[in-house]
Protein backbone atom coordinates (compact mmCIF):
# COMPACT_ATOMS: atom_id res chain seq x y z
CA MET A 1 113.40 105.84 116.91
CA SER A 2 111.70 107.84 119.60
CA GLN A 3 108.32 109.20 119.60
CA ALA A 4 107.21 111.84 117.91
CA ARG A 5 108.34 115.69 119.51
CA TRP A 6 105.30 117.44 120.87
CA ILE A 7 105.61 121.12 118.86
CA ALA A 8 102.89 122.96 121.01
CA ILE A 9 101.44 122.39 124.16
CA LEU A 10 98.45 124.66 125.15
CA GLY A 11 96.99 122.98 128.29
CA ASP A 12 95.48 119.36 127.30
CA PHE A 13 95.93 120.17 123.64
CA LYS A 14 98.73 119.01 122.15
CA ILE A 15 100.07 119.61 118.48
CA SER A 16 103.04 116.79 117.63
CA GLU A 17 105.57 117.26 115.37
CA THR A 18 104.14 114.58 113.16
CA VAL A 19 100.82 116.63 112.52
CA ILE A 20 102.73 119.42 111.84
CA VAL A 21 104.77 117.65 109.37
CA SER A 22 101.39 116.45 107.85
CA TRP A 23 100.42 120.46 107.48
CA ILE A 24 103.63 121.56 106.00
CA ILE A 25 103.04 118.30 103.05
CA ILE A 26 99.09 119.28 102.89
CA ALA A 27 99.93 122.97 102.29
CA GLY A 28 102.38 122.14 99.84
CA LEU A 29 100.75 119.79 97.50
CA ALA A 30 97.73 122.39 97.68
CA ILE A 31 99.93 125.10 96.18
CA ILE A 32 101.63 123.17 93.70
CA SER A 33 98.35 121.54 92.90
CA TYR A 34 96.87 124.93 92.17
CA LEU A 35 100.37 126.61 90.50
CA LEU A 36 100.14 123.10 88.06
CA THR A 37 96.10 123.92 87.37
CA ARG A 38 95.49 127.61 87.15
CA ASN A 39 96.06 128.01 83.49
CA LEU A 40 94.35 124.48 82.51
CA LYS A 41 92.72 125.22 78.94
CA LYS A 42 90.48 122.62 76.85
CA THR A 43 93.18 121.87 74.33
CA PRO A 44 96.19 121.05 75.89
CA THR A 45 99.28 123.55 74.92
CA SER A 46 101.52 122.96 77.44
CA LYS A 47 103.95 120.27 78.12
CA VAL A 48 103.07 120.70 82.01
CA GLN A 49 99.21 120.35 80.80
CA ILE A 50 100.24 117.15 78.64
CA LEU A 51 102.24 115.76 81.69
CA LEU A 52 99.31 116.25 84.06
CA GLU A 53 96.26 114.78 81.67
CA PHE A 54 98.48 111.56 81.34
CA ALA A 55 99.27 111.27 84.59
CA VAL A 56 95.61 111.93 85.49
CA GLY A 57 94.50 109.58 82.74
CA GLY A 58 97.10 106.50 83.74
CA LEU A 59 95.55 107.22 87.18
CA TYR A 60 91.89 106.31 86.15
CA LYS A 61 93.10 103.84 83.60
CA LEU A 62 94.79 101.76 86.91
CA VAL A 63 91.98 102.02 89.04
CA ASN A 64 89.24 101.21 85.89
CA ASP A 65 91.41 97.89 85.50
CA THR A 66 91.60 97.23 89.50
CA MET A 67 88.17 98.09 90.40
CA GLY A 68 85.78 97.63 87.06
CA GLU A 69 84.16 100.26 85.39
CA LYS A 70 81.31 99.63 86.82
CA THR A 71 81.96 100.19 90.14
CA VAL A 72 84.13 103.41 89.12
CA LYS A 73 80.69 104.74 87.58
CA ARG A 74 78.99 103.59 90.70
CA MET A 75 81.66 105.60 92.74
CA PRO A 76 83.02 108.66 90.72
CA ASN A 77 84.77 110.28 93.31
CA ILE A 78 87.16 107.09 94.12
CA ALA A 79 89.67 108.03 91.38
CA PRO A 80 90.41 111.51 93.31
CA TYR A 81 90.66 109.85 96.25
CA ILE A 82 92.88 107.32 95.38
CA GLY A 83 95.35 109.79 93.50
CA SER A 84 95.06 111.98 96.72
CA LEU A 85 95.79 109.32 99.01
CA PHE A 86 98.81 108.07 96.95
CA LEU A 87 100.19 111.47 96.34
CA PHE A 88 99.83 112.45 100.41
CA PHE A 89 101.31 109.09 101.38
CA ALA A 90 103.71 109.30 99.09
CA CYS A 91 105.42 112.31 100.06
CA SER A 92 105.03 111.44 103.55
CA ASN A 93 107.48 108.54 102.89
CA LEU A 94 109.72 110.99 101.50
CA ILE A 95 110.04 114.18 103.50
CA GLY A 96 112.80 112.29 105.48
CA LEU A 97 115.08 113.16 102.40
CA LEU A 98 114.49 116.91 103.37
CA GLY A 99 115.26 116.16 107.19
CA PHE A 100 111.96 116.22 108.35
CA ARG A 101 110.26 113.22 110.51
CA SER A 102 108.30 111.16 108.22
CA PRO A 103 104.30 110.87 109.39
CA THR A 104 104.85 107.44 108.46
CA THR A 105 107.19 106.39 111.25
CA ASP A 106 104.31 107.60 113.35
CA LEU A 107 101.90 104.47 113.86
CA ASP A 108 99.12 107.04 114.44
CA THR A 109 99.11 107.94 110.75
CA THR A 110 99.00 104.42 108.78
CA LEU A 111 96.63 103.60 111.47
CA ALA A 112 94.33 106.45 110.49
CA TRP A 113 94.61 105.38 106.78
CA ALA A 114 93.83 102.15 107.65
CA LEU A 115 90.93 102.51 109.01
CA ILE A 116 89.05 105.19 106.29
CA THR A 117 89.96 102.12 104.14
CA PHE A 118 88.46 99.86 106.80
CA PHE A 119 85.32 102.01 107.19
CA MET A 120 84.93 102.54 103.48
CA ILE A 121 84.77 98.55 102.41
CA TYR A 122 82.12 98.10 104.70
CA VAL A 123 80.04 101.34 103.67
CA THR A 124 80.50 100.68 99.94
CA GLY A 125 79.67 96.88 100.85
CA VAL A 126 76.01 98.34 102.64
CA ARG A 127 75.51 100.57 99.91
CA PHE A 128 75.61 98.24 97.18
CA ASN A 129 74.68 95.16 98.79
CA GLY A 130 72.52 96.17 101.49
CA PHE A 131 72.79 94.82 105.05
CA GLY A 132 73.31 91.40 103.09
CA TYR A 133 76.67 92.24 102.53
CA PHE A 134 77.36 90.80 106.50
CA LYS A 135 76.22 87.27 105.22
CA GLY A 136 79.58 86.96 103.42
CA LEU A 137 81.00 86.32 107.11
CA LEU A 138 79.41 83.13 107.37
CA GLU A 139 80.37 81.66 104.82
CA PRO A 140 81.38 79.20 103.77
CA ILE A 141 79.75 77.70 106.99
CA PRO A 142 78.63 79.73 109.95
CA PHE A 143 80.96 78.01 112.26
CA LEU A 144 83.94 80.15 110.81
CA LEU A 145 82.00 83.25 111.98
CA PRO A 146 84.31 84.10 114.56
CA LEU A 147 87.45 82.95 112.04
CA ASN A 148 86.21 85.58 110.11
CA ILE A 149 85.48 87.96 112.00
CA ILE A 150 89.47 87.78 113.27
CA GLY A 151 89.86 87.79 109.54
CA GLU A 152 88.51 91.52 108.90
CA LEU A 153 89.44 93.12 111.82
CA ALA A 154 93.32 92.26 110.72
CA ARG A 155 92.79 93.92 107.40
CA PRO A 156 92.93 97.84 109.10
CA ILE A 157 96.18 95.81 111.69
CA SER A 158 97.94 94.42 108.48
CA LEU A 159 97.23 98.01 106.47
CA SER A 160 98.62 100.24 108.65
CA PHE A 161 101.83 98.24 110.13
CA ARG A 162 103.01 97.16 106.58
CA PRO A 163 103.81 100.79 105.74
CA PHE A 164 104.71 101.66 109.21
CA GLY A 165 107.26 98.89 109.73
CA ASN A 166 108.78 99.27 106.83
CA ILE A 167 109.75 103.12 106.88
CA LEU A 168 110.52 103.24 110.66
CA GLY A 169 113.06 100.42 110.05
CA GLY A 170 114.57 102.13 107.18
CA ALA A 171 114.78 105.12 109.40
CA VAL A 172 115.91 103.38 112.07
CA ILE A 173 118.69 101.77 109.44
CA MET A 174 120.13 105.49 107.88
CA LYS A 175 120.25 106.49 112.03
CA LEU A 176 122.53 103.72 112.46
CA PHE A 177 124.49 103.86 109.79
CA TYR A 178 125.18 107.77 110.02
CA ASP A 179 126.60 107.42 113.37
CA PHE A 180 128.75 104.59 112.50
CA LEU A 181 129.70 106.76 109.99
CA ALA A 182 130.20 109.72 112.71
CA TYR A 183 132.20 107.33 114.24
CA LEU A 184 134.93 106.31 112.00
CA SER A 185 135.36 109.75 110.83
CA SER A 186 136.26 110.78 114.41
CA PHE A 187 139.27 108.11 113.59
CA ILE A 188 140.62 110.81 110.75
CA PRO A 189 141.57 113.81 111.89
CA ALA A 190 141.68 115.51 108.47
CA ILE A 191 138.02 115.08 108.00
CA GLY A 192 137.08 113.96 111.60
CA SER A 193 135.26 117.75 111.64
CA VAL A 194 133.86 117.29 108.20
CA PRO A 195 131.61 114.56 107.78
CA ILE A 196 132.47 113.76 104.00
CA GLY A 197 131.39 109.85 104.41
CA GLN A 198 128.01 111.15 105.76
CA ILE A 199 127.47 112.84 102.30
CA LEU A 200 128.80 110.80 99.97
CA ILE A 201 128.63 106.75 101.23
CA PRO A 202 124.47 106.50 102.06
CA VAL A 203 123.37 107.72 99.07
CA PRO A 204 122.75 104.42 97.49
CA LEU A 205 121.05 103.41 100.74
CA HIS A 206 118.80 106.48 100.78
CA LEU A 207 117.36 105.82 97.36
CA TYR A 208 116.23 102.69 98.37
CA PHE A 209 114.66 103.16 101.70
CA ASP A 210 113.37 106.59 101.46
CA LEU A 211 113.05 106.53 97.16
CA PHE A 212 112.25 103.30 96.17
CA ALA A 213 110.90 101.65 99.44
CA GLY A 214 108.69 105.22 100.23
CA LEU A 215 106.51 104.90 96.85
CA LEU A 216 106.49 100.81 96.92
CA GLN A 217 104.65 100.95 100.46
CA SER A 218 102.20 103.97 99.07
CA PHE A 219 101.97 101.89 95.75
CA ILE A 220 101.23 98.56 97.57
CA PHE A 221 98.91 100.68 99.94
CA ILE A 222 96.06 101.87 97.39
CA MET A 223 96.26 98.53 95.45
CA LEU A 224 94.87 97.06 98.73
CA THR A 225 92.60 99.13 99.02
CA MET A 226 91.68 99.17 95.74
CA VAL A 227 91.04 95.66 96.02
CA PHE A 228 88.96 95.25 99.09
CA VAL A 229 87.06 98.49 98.08
CA GLY A 230 86.22 96.31 94.97
CA ASN A 231 85.71 93.45 96.37
CA ALA A 232 82.94 94.99 98.60
CA ALA A 233 81.08 96.71 95.96
CA GLU A 234 80.81 93.39 94.01
């Protein structure tokens, strides 16, 4: 996979394909959110509101079970953040099904998400435990301080490269598979100009690499975020 293309270049200011697709996802989520929540009632009367309340309730239950009710009460905005992160992450992984380049195939995107989690860990730790939070780097013995620091720095690297590698790897495999099917189709004159094989055969692979792997990586990322931030709060 090549690097994301520059869509607009204004002097030293450049806008990449990754940024444009991210804006499209953000705009789409904002519009859908508005349409789904504009007619909410105190007592739900529509299936849409019932479904929304079920999803939001499930999200809060997941966050409470993972981070603990005490931590969630002290961080009232953490559940909306986790839900928004999951939606944006999942849509970024799945938008490749619509022919767009997934922002997750750009390391800048996953690194930005990982750094948000990384800084949130330390902000939460200092907020709830003071600067004594950093004493944990000296445990179990001060001699291990360098190794503990390396372990801390490995968190954003692991968080960013895991989804990046999985989604990019799937995109590369699908591109090679499509090229292989196009090559085979060229040997059949009757359908050489109609990529029938490229329409039907790759469906199972799309279900795995785009749908299953995309949603799985999104879920893993938010779970790790909740675990790391929850541990820092305790």
